[in-house]
Amino acid sequence: MKKIFLSLLVLLFLCACDQQFNKDGWLKEPEKRNDMVYNLINKYELVGMTEEEIIRLLGKPEQKIDKPNIQYVYYLGTAGLMGVSVSLLRLQFDQNGKLDSHEIDYS
């Protein structure tokens, strides 16, 4: 019985942490982006998108780094058991302005 309860608890936690990406929620509730980011990455083929397409999908980034290549940084909210670390989505563009790579940074 205890194993079933723990399994259900873990399943509920995983479901709660992987919410469906939606643009309105992303734009209006930045603190909840951490819950949507994995669905975003799995739902959309981000690599190859242009800067304009990314902005249309995610809005303007909180930070734009221009050198050596363009990088957009989106705030995802806090992470960790006590919410002590900040998580960021970093999008790295190539020299043609197309998304080359993305990573989630837990600082």
C-alpha atoms as a PDB file:
ATOM      1  CA  MET A   1       0.000   0.000   0.000  1.00  0.00           C
ATOM      2  CA  LYS A   2       2.831   2.361   0.866  1.00  0.00           C
ATOM      3  CA  LYS A   3       4.524   1.728  -2.512  1.00  0.00           C
ATOM      4  CA  ILE A   4       1.302   2.487  -4.376  1.00  0.00           C
ATOM      5  CA  PHE A   5       0.847   5.730  -2.458  1.00  0.00           C
ATOM      6  CA  LEU A   6       4.427   6.808  -3.165  1.00  0.00           C
ATOM      7  CA  SER A   7       4.073   5.902  -6.846  1.00  0.00           C
ATOM      8  CA  LEU A   8       0.913   7.972  -7.125  1.00  0.00           C
ATOM      9  CA  LEU A   9       2.567  10.866  -5.349  1.00  0.00           C
ATOM     10  CA  VAL A  10       5.534  10.799  -7.746  1.00  0.00           C
ATOM     11  CA  LEU A  11       3.189  10.578 -10.737  1.00  0.00           C
ATOM     12  CA  LEU A  12       1.174  13.572  -9.535  1.00  0.00           C
ATOM     13  CA  PHE A  13       4.367  15.561  -9.006  1.00  0.00           C
ATOM     14  CA  LEU A  14       5.633  14.763 -12.500  1.00  0.00           C
ATOM     15  CA  CYS A  15       2.317  15.695 -14.088  1.00  0.00           C
ATOM     16  CA  ALA A  16       2.174  18.968 -12.184  1.00  0.00           C
ATOM     17  CA  CYS A  17       5.699  19.887 -13.262  1.00  0.00           C
ATOM     18  CA  ASP A  18       5.138  19.274 -16.965  1.00  0.00           C
ATOM     19  CA  GLN A  19       2.299  21.573 -17.912  1.00  0.00           C
ATOM     20  CA  GLN A  20       1.293  22.173 -21.496  1.00  0.00           C
ATOM     21  CA  PHE A  21       2.998  25.155 -23.088  1.00  0.00           C
ATOM     22  CA  ASN A  22       0.677  28.009 -23.933  1.00  0.00           C
ATOM     23  CA  LYS A  23       1.724  31.439 -25.084  1.00  0.00           C
ATOM     24  CA  ASP A  24      -0.621  33.398 -22.792  1.00  0.00           C
ATOM     25  CA  GLY A  25       0.585  31.564 -19.697  1.00  0.00           C
ATOM     26  CA  TRP A  26       4.214  31.970 -20.798  1.00  0.00           C
ATOM     27  CA  LEU A  27       3.824  35.720 -21.251  1.00  0.00           C
ATOM     28  CA  LYS A  28       1.602  36.466 -18.242  1.00  0.00           C
ATOM     29  CA  GLU A  29       3.099  34.140 -15.617  1.00  0.00           C
ATOM     30  CA  PRO A  30       6.892  33.989 -15.948  1.00  0.00           C
ATOM     31  CA  GLU A  31       7.178  32.164 -12.604  1.00  0.00           C
ATOM     32  CA  LYS A  32       5.342  29.184 -14.131  1.00  0.00           C
ATOM     33  CA  ARG A  33       7.516  28.900 -17.239  1.00  0.00           C
ATOM     34  CA  ASN A  34       9.667  26.272 -15.535  1.00  0.00           C
ATOM     35  CA  ASP A  35       6.623  23.981 -15.562  1.00  0.00           C
ATOM     36  CA  MET A  36       6.047  24.514 -19.307  1.00  0.00           C
ATOM     37  CA  VAL A  37       9.561  24.564 -20.746  1.00  0.00           C
ATOM     38  CA  TYR A  38       9.953  20.816 -21.351  1.00  0.00           C
ATOM     39  CA  ASN A  39       6.614  20.662 -23.132  1.00  0.00           C
ATOM     40  CA  LEU A  40       7.697  23.674 -25.220  1.00  0.00           C
ATOM     41  CA  ILE A  41      10.934  21.946 -26.229  1.00  0.00           C
ATOM     42  CA  ASN A  42       9.135  18.704 -27.092  1.00  0.00           C
ATOM     43  CA  LYS A  43       6.194  20.351 -28.862  1.00  0.00           C
ATOM     44  CA  TYR A  44       8.100  22.775 -31.112  1.00  0.00           C
ATOM     45  CA  GLU A  45      11.107  22.264 -33.337  1.00  0.00           C
ATOM     46  CA  LEU A  46      12.896  25.339 -31.990  1.00  0.00           C
ATOM     47  CA  VAL A  47      16.239  24.682 -33.681  1.00  0.00           C
ATOM     48  CA  GLY A  48      16.182  26.400 -37.056  1.00  0.00           C
ATOM     49  CA  MET A  49      13.612  29.036 -36.056  1.00  0.00           C
ATOM     50  CA  THR A  50      14.488  32.656 -36.788  1.00  0.00           C
ATOM     51  CA  GLU A  51      14.697  35.365 -34.144  1.00  0.00           C
ATOM     52  CA  GLU A  52      11.336  36.712 -35.342  1.00  0.00           C
ATOM     53  CA  GLU A  53       9.676  33.297 -35.024  1.00  0.00           C
ATOM     54  CA  ILE A  54      11.041  32.861 -31.502  1.00  0.00           C
ATOM     55  CA  ILE A  55       9.812  36.311 -30.445  1.00  0.00           C
ATOM     56  CA  ARG A  56       6.399  35.574 -31.969  1.00  0.00           C
ATOM     57  CA  LEU A  57       6.238  32.358 -29.946  1.00  0.00           C
ATOM     58  CA  LEU A  58       7.858  33.406 -26.643  1.00  0.00           C
ATOM     59  CA  GLY A  59       7.782  37.203 -26.627  1.00  0.00           C
ATOM     60  CA  LYS A  60      10.829  39.376 -26.158  1.00  0.00           C
ATOM     61  CA  PRO A  61      13.571  37.808 -24.047  1.00  0.00           C
ATOM     62  CA  GLU A  62      14.485  39.209 -20.654  1.00  0.00           C
ATOM     63  CA  GLN A  63      18.050  39.503 -21.896  1.00  0.00           C
ATOM     64  CA  LYS A  64      19.665  39.625 -25.336  1.00  0.00           C
ATOM     65  CA  ILE A  65      23.396  39.031 -25.650  1.00  0.00           C
ATOM     66  CA  ASP A  66      24.941  40.107 -28.948  1.00  0.00           C
ATOM     67  CA  LYS A  67      28.509  38.807 -28.770  1.00  0.00           C
ATOM     68  CA  PRO A  68      30.031  36.547 -29.923  1.00  0.00           C
ATOM     69  CA  ASN A  69      26.701  35.295 -31.362  1.00  0.00           C
ATOM     70  CA  ILE A  70      23.177  36.356 -30.502  1.00  0.00           C
ATOM     71  CA  GLN A  71      21.737  34.675 -27.437  1.00  0.00           C
ATOM     72  CA  TYR A  72      18.265  35.146 -25.949  1.00  0.00           C
ATOM     73  CA  VAL A  73      17.716  34.477 -22.256  1.00  0.00           C
ATOM     74  CA  TYR A  74      14.240  33.788 -20.863  1.00  0.00           C
ATOM     75  CA  TYR A  75      13.534  33.661 -17.141  1.00  0.00           C
ATOM     76  CA  LEU A  76      11.792  30.393 -16.190  1.00  0.00           C
ATOM     77  CA  GLY A  77      11.176  30.929 -12.490  1.00  0.00           C
ATOM     78  CA  THR A  78      12.767  29.393  -9.450  1.00  0.00           C
ATOM     79  CA  ALA A  79      13.816  25.775  -9.112  1.00  0.00           C
ATOM     80  CA  GLY A  80      14.959  23.431  -6.387  1.00  0.00           C
ATOM     81  CA  LEU A  81      13.264  22.136  -3.294  1.00  0.00           C
ATOM     82  CA  MET A  82      13.153  25.492  -1.594  1.00  0.00           C
ATOM     83  CA  GLY A  83      13.021  27.609  -4.763  1.00  0.00           C
ATOM     84  CA  VAL A  84      16.523  28.873  -4.100  1.00  0.00           C
ATOM     85  CA  SER A  85      17.901  28.755  -7.626  1.00  0.00           C
ATOM     86  CA  VAL A  86      16.815  30.594 -10.733  1.00  0.00           C
ATOM     87  CA  SER A  87      16.324  28.719 -13.967  1.00  0.00           C
ATOM     88  CA  LEU A  88      16.831  30.235 -17.404  1.00  0.00           C
ATOM     89  CA  LEU A  89      16.225  29.161 -20.981  1.00  0.00           C
ATOM     90  CA  ARG A  90      19.184  30.125 -23.155  1.00  0.00           C
ATOM     91  CA  LEU A  91      18.691  30.199 -26.916  1.00  0.00           C
ATOM     92  CA  GLN A  92      21.840  30.428 -29.039  1.00  0.00           C
ATOM     93  CA  PHE A  93      21.509  31.714 -32.611  1.00  0.00           C
ATOM     94  CA  ASP A  94      23.914  31.122 -35.478  1.00  0.00           C
ATOM     95  CA  GLN A  95      25.381  33.839 -37.706  1.00  0.00           C
ATOM     96  CA  ASN A  96      22.369  33.616 -40.041  1.00  0.00           C
ATOM     97  CA  GLY A  97      19.947  34.469 -37.234  1.00  0.00           C
ATOM     98  CA  LYS A  98      18.553  30.935 -36.864  1.00  0.00           C
ATOM     99  CA  LEU A  99      18.354  29.106 -33.573  1.00  0.00           C
ATOM    100  CA  ASP A 100      21.344  26.796 -33.289  1.00  0.00           C
ATOM    101  CA  SER A 101      20.864  25.368 -29.791  1.00  0.00           C
ATOM    102  CA  HIS A 102      18.999  25.740 -26.510  1.00  0.00           C
ATOM    103  CA  GLU A 103      19.719  24.843 -22.928  1.00  0.00           C
ATOM    104  CA  ILE A 104      18.104  25.163 -19.544  1.00  0.00           C
ATOM    105  CA  ASP A 105      20.426  26.741 -16.985  1.00  0.00           C
ATOM    106  CA  TYR A 106      19.784  26.147 -13.281  1.00  0.00           C
ATOM    107  CA  SER A 107      21.890  28.741 -11.479  1.00  0.00           C
END
